[in-house]
Amino acid sequence: MGVPRRGLVAALFLLLAGCAQSPGFRAPSPPAVLSLSPAPAAFRLEGRVSVRAGEESFSGGMAWRRGAAGDEILLSTPLGQGVAELRSDKEGVSLTDAKGRSHRAADADSLVRQALGLELPLRGLAWWVVGHPRPDAPYRAEADQAGRMAVLEQDDWRIDFSRYEPRDGHVLPGKLVARRGDDLDVRLVVDAWELP
């Protein structure tokens, strides 16, 4: 004689309840929720950057100062010799290379590409470096367990964030790796943050 259907359902629930309490079984944790601290209006950082584009690569130092008037970025060799100085203001972007030649354009990304042959996503990097998506552009984000940006996809780039540290009411990443496709990546490690 068969077991009544209600009896089977009850037995199944009891079995599942027993499994949920047995060692090694964990209910999936809910996804982390993104909870960003405000982006600083100004900052200074000292760090190291490496860029790989196919067979070409560059690695060296980076000093970046961002303020209300614009940005100043100095790229240097590992030995500290200047490679390029980039300045942006309301009138556009200028770049001075290691030979003292000046270049000017309205767009930082294309200026760096033309003058140095490097693919640096500067338009987004100014926001990504402080752990935020670029405003007014679509993005997809994943949070870490503390609610900080862990992964960001924006402007055809995927950016992974790590090594966060608190600084004057902000929580700032110490490392980011930005990748576009299989042959282009930018890595930035921040050695020192300063918030004026």
C-alpha atoms as a PDB file:
ATOM      1  CA  MET A   1       0.000   0.000   0.000  1.00  0.00           C
ATOM      2  CA  GLY A   2       1.481   3.364  -1.031  1.00  0.00           C
ATOM      3  CA  VAL A   3       2.365   6.218   1.322  1.00  0.00           C
ATOM      4  CA  PRO A   4      -0.161   9.079   1.085  1.00  0.00           C
ATOM      5  CA  ARG A   5       1.038  12.088  -0.897  1.00  0.00           C
ATOM      6  CA  ARG A   6       0.842  14.368   2.147  1.00  0.00           C
ATOM      7  CA  GLY A   7       3.100  11.986   4.017  1.00  0.00           C
ATOM      8  CA  LEU A   8       5.718  12.171   1.244  1.00  0.00           C
ATOM      9  CA  VAL A   9       5.659  15.964   1.230  1.00  0.00           C
ATOM     10  CA  ALA A  10       5.993  16.097   5.020  1.00  0.00           C
ATOM     11  CA  ALA A  11       8.882  13.609   4.921  1.00  0.00           C
ATOM     12  CA  LEU A  12      10.615  15.670   2.216  1.00  0.00           C
ATOM     13  CA  PHE A  13      10.323  18.854   4.303  1.00  0.00           C
ATOM     14  CA  LEU A  14      11.736  17.078   7.348  1.00  0.00           C
ATOM     15  CA  LEU A  15      14.636  15.747   5.277  1.00  0.00           C
ATOM     16  CA  LEU A  16      15.422  19.203   3.882  1.00  0.00           C
ATOM     17  CA  ALA A  17      15.181  20.772   7.329  1.00  0.00           C
ATOM     18  CA  GLY A  18      17.641  18.181   8.626  1.00  0.00           C
ATOM     19  CA  CYS A  19      20.067  18.911   5.750  1.00  0.00           C
ATOM     20  CA  ALA A  20      19.909  22.644   6.394  1.00  0.00           C
ATOM     21  CA  GLN A  21      21.094  22.066   9.965  1.00  0.00           C
ATOM     22  CA  SER A  22      23.751  19.485   9.170  1.00  0.00           C
ATOM     23  CA  PRO A  23      27.422  20.533   9.034  1.00  0.00           C
ATOM     24  CA  GLY A  24      28.691  21.615   5.626  1.00  0.00           C
ATOM     25  CA  PHE A  25      25.331  22.800   4.330  1.00  0.00           C
ATOM     26  CA  ARG A  26      24.936  26.562   4.084  1.00  0.00           C
ATOM     27  CA  ALA A  27      22.165  28.599   2.641  1.00  0.00           C
ATOM     28  CA  PRO A  28      23.486  31.010   0.004  1.00  0.00           C
ATOM     29  CA  SER A  29      24.344  34.390   1.496  1.00  0.00           C
ATOM     30  CA  PRO A  30      22.503  37.370   0.084  1.00  0.00           C
ATOM     31  CA  PRO A  31      24.452  39.455  -2.445  1.00  0.00           C
ATOM     32  CA  ALA A  32      26.407  42.368  -0.992  1.00  0.00           C
ATOM     33  CA  VAL A  33      24.865  45.796  -1.484  1.00  0.00           C
ATOM     34  CA  LEU A  34      26.960  48.627  -2.895  1.00  0.00           C
ATOM     35  CA  SER A  35      27.288  51.437  -0.338  1.00  0.00           C
ATOM     36  CA  LEU A  36      29.836  53.981  -1.520  1.00  0.00           C
ATOM     37  CA  SER A  37      31.290  56.703   0.633  1.00  0.00           C
ATOM     38  CA  PRO A  38      31.315  60.124  -1.061  1.00  0.00           C
ATOM     39  CA  ALA A  39      34.034  60.650  -3.666  1.00  0.00           C
ATOM     40  CA  PRO A  40      36.641  63.192  -2.541  1.00  0.00           C
ATOM     41  CA  ALA A  41      36.531  66.470  -4.459  1.00  0.00           C
ATOM     42  CA  ALA A  42      40.319  66.687  -4.424  1.00  0.00           C
ATOM     43  CA  PHE A  43      43.186  64.281  -3.802  1.00  0.00           C
ATOM     44  CA  ARG A  44      46.872  63.645  -4.239  1.00  0.00           C
ATOM     45  CA  LEU A  45      48.330  60.214  -4.744  1.00  0.00           C
ATOM     46  CA  GLU A  46      51.717  58.648  -5.294  1.00  0.00           C
ATOM     47  CA  GLY A  47      51.784  55.239  -6.872  1.00  0.00           C
ATOM     48  CA  ARG A  48      52.959  52.857  -9.523  1.00  0.00           C
ATOM     49  CA  VAL A  49      51.309  52.183 -12.852  1.00  0.00           C
ATOM     50  CA  SER A  50      51.801  49.584 -15.536  1.00  0.00           C
ATOM     51  CA  VAL A  51      50.176  49.471 -18.938  1.00  0.00           C
ATOM     52  CA  ARG A  52      50.189  46.504 -21.311  1.00  0.00           C
ATOM     53  CA  ALA A  53      48.832  46.873 -24.835  1.00  0.00           C
ATOM     54  CA  GLY A  54      49.556  43.789 -26.920  1.00  0.00           C
ATOM     55  CA  GLU A  55      53.345  43.548 -27.266  1.00  0.00           C
ATOM     56  CA  GLU A  56      53.907  47.067 -25.905  1.00  0.00           C
ATOM     57  CA  SER A  57      54.197  47.813 -22.186  1.00  0.00           C
ATOM     58  CA  PHE A  58      55.128  50.583 -19.791  1.00  0.00           C
ATOM     59  CA  SER A  59      55.684  50.575 -16.057  1.00  0.00           C
ATOM     60  CA  GLY A  60      56.757  53.350 -13.772  1.00  0.00           C
ATOM     61  CA  GLY A  61      55.674  55.876 -11.210  1.00  0.00           C
ATOM     62  CA  MET A  62      52.614  58.096 -11.140  1.00  0.00           C
ATOM     63  CA  ALA A  63      51.977  61.258  -9.149  1.00  0.00           C
ATOM     64  CA  TRP A  64      48.432  62.613  -9.488  1.00  0.00           C
ATOM     65  CA  ARG A  65      46.982  65.802  -8.069  1.00  0.00           C
ATOM     66  CA  ARG A  66      43.280  66.491  -8.596  1.00  0.00           C
ATOM     67  CA  GLY A  67      41.584  69.722  -7.550  1.00  0.00           C
ATOM     68  CA  ALA A  68      38.888  72.185  -8.497  1.00  0.00           C
ATOM     69  CA  ALA A  69      41.091  73.690 -11.215  1.00  0.00           C
ATOM     70  CA  GLY A  70      41.802  70.341 -12.895  1.00  0.00           C
ATOM     71  CA  ASP A  71      44.265  67.457 -12.853  1.00  0.00           C
ATOM     72  CA  GLU A  72      48.040  67.177 -12.957  1.00  0.00           C
ATOM     73  CA  ILE A  73      49.525  63.745 -13.645  1.00  0.00           C
ATOM     74  CA  LEU A  74      53.235  63.033 -13.815  1.00  0.00           C
ATOM     75  CA  LEU A  75      54.376  59.690 -15.257  1.00  0.00           C
ATOM     76  CA  SER A  76      57.960  58.665 -14.574  1.00  0.00           C
ATOM     77  CA  THR A  77      60.291  55.741 -15.235  1.00  0.00           C
ATOM     78  CA  PRO A  78      61.021  53.277 -12.404  1.00  0.00           C
ATOM     79  CA  LEU A  79      64.177  55.345 -11.790  1.00  0.00           C
ATOM     80  CA  GLY A  80      62.154  58.545 -11.397  1.00  0.00           C
ATOM     81  CA  GLN A  81      62.874  60.238 -14.737  1.00  0.00           C
ATOM     82  CA  GLY A  82      59.871  62.118 -16.125  1.00  0.00           C
ATOM     83  CA  VAL A  83      58.118  60.492 -19.084  1.00  0.00           C
ATOM     84  CA  ALA A  84      55.145  62.801 -19.433  1.00  0.00           C
ATOM     85  CA  GLU A  85      53.255  65.495 -17.594  1.00  0.00           C
ATOM     86  CA  LEU A  86      49.537  65.811 -18.236  1.00  0.00           C
ATOM     87  CA  ARG A  87      47.469  68.832 -17.171  1.00  0.00           C
ATOM     88  CA  SER A  88      43.769  69.384 -17.586  1.00  0.00           C
ATOM     89  CA  ASP A  89      41.738  72.513 -17.023  1.00  0.00           C
ATOM     90  CA  LYS A  90      38.543  74.109 -18.315  1.00  0.00           C
ATOM     91  CA  GLU A  91      40.172  74.831 -21.696  1.00  0.00           C
ATOM     92  CA  GLY A  92      41.270  71.254 -22.397  1.00  0.00           C
ATOM     93  CA  VAL A  93      44.208  68.952 -21.828  1.00  0.00           C
ATOM     94  CA  SER A  94      47.914  69.482 -22.422  1.00  0.00           C
ATOM     95  CA  LEU A  95      50.743  66.963 -22.351  1.00  0.00           C
ATOM     96  CA  THR A  96      54.471  67.598 -22.209  1.00  0.00           C
ATOM     97  CA  ASP A  97      56.587  64.570 -23.152  1.00  0.00           C
ATOM     98  CA  ALA A  98      60.106  63.628 -22.040  1.00  0.00           C
ATOM     99  CA  LYS A  99      61.630  65.643 -24.919  1.00  0.00           C
ATOM    100  CA  GLY A 100      59.814  68.806 -23.873  1.00  0.00           C
ATOM    101  CA  ARG A 101      57.310  68.730 -26.740  1.00  0.00           C
ATOM    102  CA  SER A 102      53.848  69.995 -25.889  1.00  0.00           C
ATOM    103  CA  HIS A 103      50.598  68.576 -27.199  1.00  0.00           C
ATOM    104  CA  ARG A 104      47.100  69.879 -26.606  1.00  0.00           C
ATOM    105  CA  ALA A 105      43.607  68.451 -27.157  1.00  0.00           C
ATOM    106  CA  ALA A 106      40.095  68.548 -25.754  1.00  0.00           C
ATOM    107  CA  ASP A 107      40.133  64.849 -24.796  1.00  0.00           C
ATOM    108  CA  ALA A 108      42.731  63.280 -22.474  1.00  0.00           C
ATOM    109  CA  ASP A 109      42.339  59.702 -23.730  1.00  0.00           C
ATOM    110  CA  SER A 110      43.046  60.537 -27.374  1.00  0.00           C
ATOM    111  CA  LEU A 111      45.829  62.966 -26.437  1.00  0.00           C
ATOM    112  CA  VAL A 112      47.736  60.293 -24.482  1.00  0.00           C
ATOM    113  CA  ARG A 113      47.184  57.772 -27.277  1.00  0.00           C
ATOM    114  CA  GLN A 114      48.522  60.184 -29.939  1.00  0.00           C
ATOM    115  CA  ALA A 115      51.443  61.545 -27.931  1.00  0.00           C
ATOM    116  CA  LEU A 116      52.624  58.450 -26.051  1.00  0.00           C
ATOM    117  CA  GLY A 117      51.029  55.525 -27.844  1.00  0.00           C
ATOM    118  CA  LEU A 118      49.459  54.415 -24.555  1.00  0.00           C
ATOM    119  CA  GLU A 119      45.855  53.453 -23.877  1.00  0.00           C
ATOM    120  CA  LEU A 120      45.022  55.094 -20.565  1.00  0.00           C
ATOM    121  CA  PRO A 121      41.295  55.448 -19.805  1.00  0.00           C
ATOM    122  CA  LEU A 122      41.802  58.809 -18.094  1.00  0.00           C
ATOM    123  CA  ARG A 123      38.186  59.914 -18.522  1.00  0.00           C
ATOM    124  CA  GLY A 124      37.060  57.054 -16.292  1.00  0.00           C
ATOM    125  CA  LEU A 125      40.234  56.643 -14.244  1.00  0.00           C
ATOM    126  CA  ALA A 126      39.669  59.949 -12.449  1.00  0.00           C
ATOM    127  CA  TRP A 127      36.583  58.336 -10.848  1.00  0.00           C
ATOM    128  CA  TRP A 128      37.703  54.716 -10.733  1.00  0.00           C
ATOM    129  CA  VAL A 129      40.843  55.567  -8.757  1.00  0.00           C
ATOM    130  CA  VAL A 130      38.607  56.653  -5.834  1.00  0.00           C
ATOM    131  CA  GLY A 131      36.356  53.596  -6.156  1.00  0.00           C
ATOM    132  CA  HIS A 132      33.435  55.195  -8.004  1.00  0.00           C
ATOM    133  CA  PRO A 133      31.846  54.770 -11.438  1.00  0.00           C
ATOM    134  CA  ARG A 134      32.141  57.635 -13.887  1.00  0.00           C
ATOM    135  CA  PRO A 135      28.967  59.745 -13.560  1.00  0.00           C
ATOM    136  CA  ASP A 136      26.464  59.992 -16.415  1.00  0.00           C
ATOM    137  CA  ALA A 137      27.624  56.741 -18.033  1.00  0.00           C
ATOM    138  CA  PRO A 138      26.051  53.294 -17.742  1.00  0.00           C
ATOM    139  CA  TYR A 139      27.838  50.728 -15.607  1.00  0.00           C
ATOM    140  CA  ARG A 140      27.490  47.389 -13.859  1.00  0.00           C
ATOM    141  CA  ALA A 141      28.975  46.952 -10.399  1.00  0.00           C
ATOM    142  CA  GLU A 142      29.579  44.258  -7.799  1.00  0.00           C
ATOM    143  CA  ALA A 143      30.122  45.038  -4.130  1.00  0.00           C
ATOM    144  CA  ASP A 144      32.444  43.325  -1.698  1.00  0.00           C
ATOM    145  CA  GLN A 145      31.140  42.196   1.702  1.00  0.00           C
ATOM    146  CA  ALA A 146      31.782  45.669   3.161  1.00  0.00           C
ATOM    147  CA  GLY A 147      29.697  47.366   0.440  1.00  0.00           C
ATOM    148  CA  ARG A 148      32.719  48.794  -1.373  1.00  0.00           C
ATOM    149  CA  MET A 149      33.237  48.574  -5.111  1.00  0.00           C
ATOM    150  CA  ALA A 150      34.758  45.177  -5.951  1.00  0.00           C
ATOM    151  CA  VAL A 151      34.156  44.980  -9.712  1.00  0.00           C
ATOM    152  CA  LEU A 152      33.034  47.694 -12.117  1.00  0.00           C
ATOM    153  CA  GLU A 153      32.238  47.367 -15.805  1.00  0.00           C
ATOM    154  CA  GLN A 154      32.092  50.696 -17.636  1.00  0.00           C
ATOM    155  CA  ASP A 155      33.160  52.173 -20.985  1.00  0.00           C
ATOM    156  CA  ASP A 156      34.112  48.666 -22.238  1.00  0.00           C
ATOM    157  CA  TRP A 157      36.535  48.245 -19.297  1.00  0.00           C
ATOM    158  CA  ARG A 158      36.367  45.819 -16.374  1.00  0.00           C
ATOM    159  CA  ILE A 159      37.964  47.188 -13.212  1.00  0.00           C
ATOM    160  CA  ASP A 160      38.811  45.094 -10.143  1.00  0.00           C
ATOM    161  CA  PHE A 161      39.360  46.964  -6.862  1.00  0.00           C
ATOM    162  CA  SER A 162      41.215  45.867  -3.723  1.00  0.00           C
ATOM    163  CA  ARG A 163      43.328  47.015  -0.751  1.00  0.00           C
ATOM    164  CA  TYR A 164      40.867  49.599   0.564  1.00  0.00           C
ATOM    165  CA  GLU A 165      41.901  51.960   3.340  1.00  0.00           C
ATOM    166  CA  PRO A 166      40.024  54.630   5.300  1.00  0.00           C
ATOM    167  CA  ARG A 167      41.259  58.161   4.764  1.00  0.00           C
ATOM    168  CA  ASP A 168      39.679  61.307   6.273  1.00  0.00           C
ATOM    169  CA  GLY A 169      36.082  60.064   6.078  1.00  0.00           C
ATOM    170  CA  HIS A 170      36.547  58.301   2.737  1.00  0.00           C
ATOM    171  CA  VAL A 171      37.354  54.677   1.911  1.00  0.00           C
ATOM    172  CA  LEU A 172      39.789  54.546  -1.002  1.00  0.00           C
ATOM    173  CA  PRO A 173      41.145  51.609  -3.001  1.00  0.00           C
ATOM    174  CA  GLY A 174      44.859  50.920  -2.890  1.00  0.00           C
ATOM    175  CA  LYS A 175      44.900  48.847  -6.061  1.00  0.00           C
ATOM    176  CA  LEU A 176      42.893  48.654  -9.243  1.00  0.00           C
ATOM    177  CA  VAL A 177      43.290  46.582 -12.373  1.00  0.00           C
ATOM    178  CA  ALA A 178      41.443  47.812 -15.485  1.00  0.00           C
ATOM    179  CA  ARG A 179      41.144  45.472 -18.463  1.00  0.00           C
ATOM    180  CA  ARG A 180      39.709  45.933 -21.933  1.00  0.00           C
ATOM    181  CA  GLY A 181      39.608  42.826 -24.075  1.00  0.00           C
ATOM    182  CA  ASP A 182      42.409  40.276 -23.858  1.00  0.00           C
ATOM    183  CA  ASP A 183      45.383  42.457 -24.715  1.00  0.00           C
ATOM    184  CA  LEU A 184      44.988  45.743 -22.849  1.00  0.00           C
ATOM    185  CA  ASP A 185      45.298  46.262 -19.112  1.00  0.00           C
ATOM    186  CA  VAL A 186      46.202  49.087 -16.757  1.00  0.00           C
ATOM    187  CA  ARG A 187      47.303  48.384 -13.185  1.00  0.00           C
ATOM    188  CA  LEU A 188      47.588  51.082 -10.555  1.00  0.00           C
ATOM    189  CA  VAL A 189      48.917  50.590  -7.031  1.00  0.00           C
ATOM    190  CA  VAL A 190      48.585  53.571  -4.708  1.00  0.00           C
ATOM    191  CA  ASP A 191      51.448  53.907  -2.245  1.00  0.00           C
ATOM    192  CA  ALA A 192      50.201  57.073  -0.553  1.00  0.00           C
ATOM    193  CA  TRP A 193      46.924  59.024  -0.478  1.00  0.00           C
ATOM    194  CA  GLU A 194      46.556  62.627   0.621  1.00  0.00           C
ATOM    195  CA  LEU A 195      43.229  64.408   0.877  1.00  0.00           C
ATOM    196  CA  PRO A 196      43.736  68.166   1.223  1.00  0.00           C
END
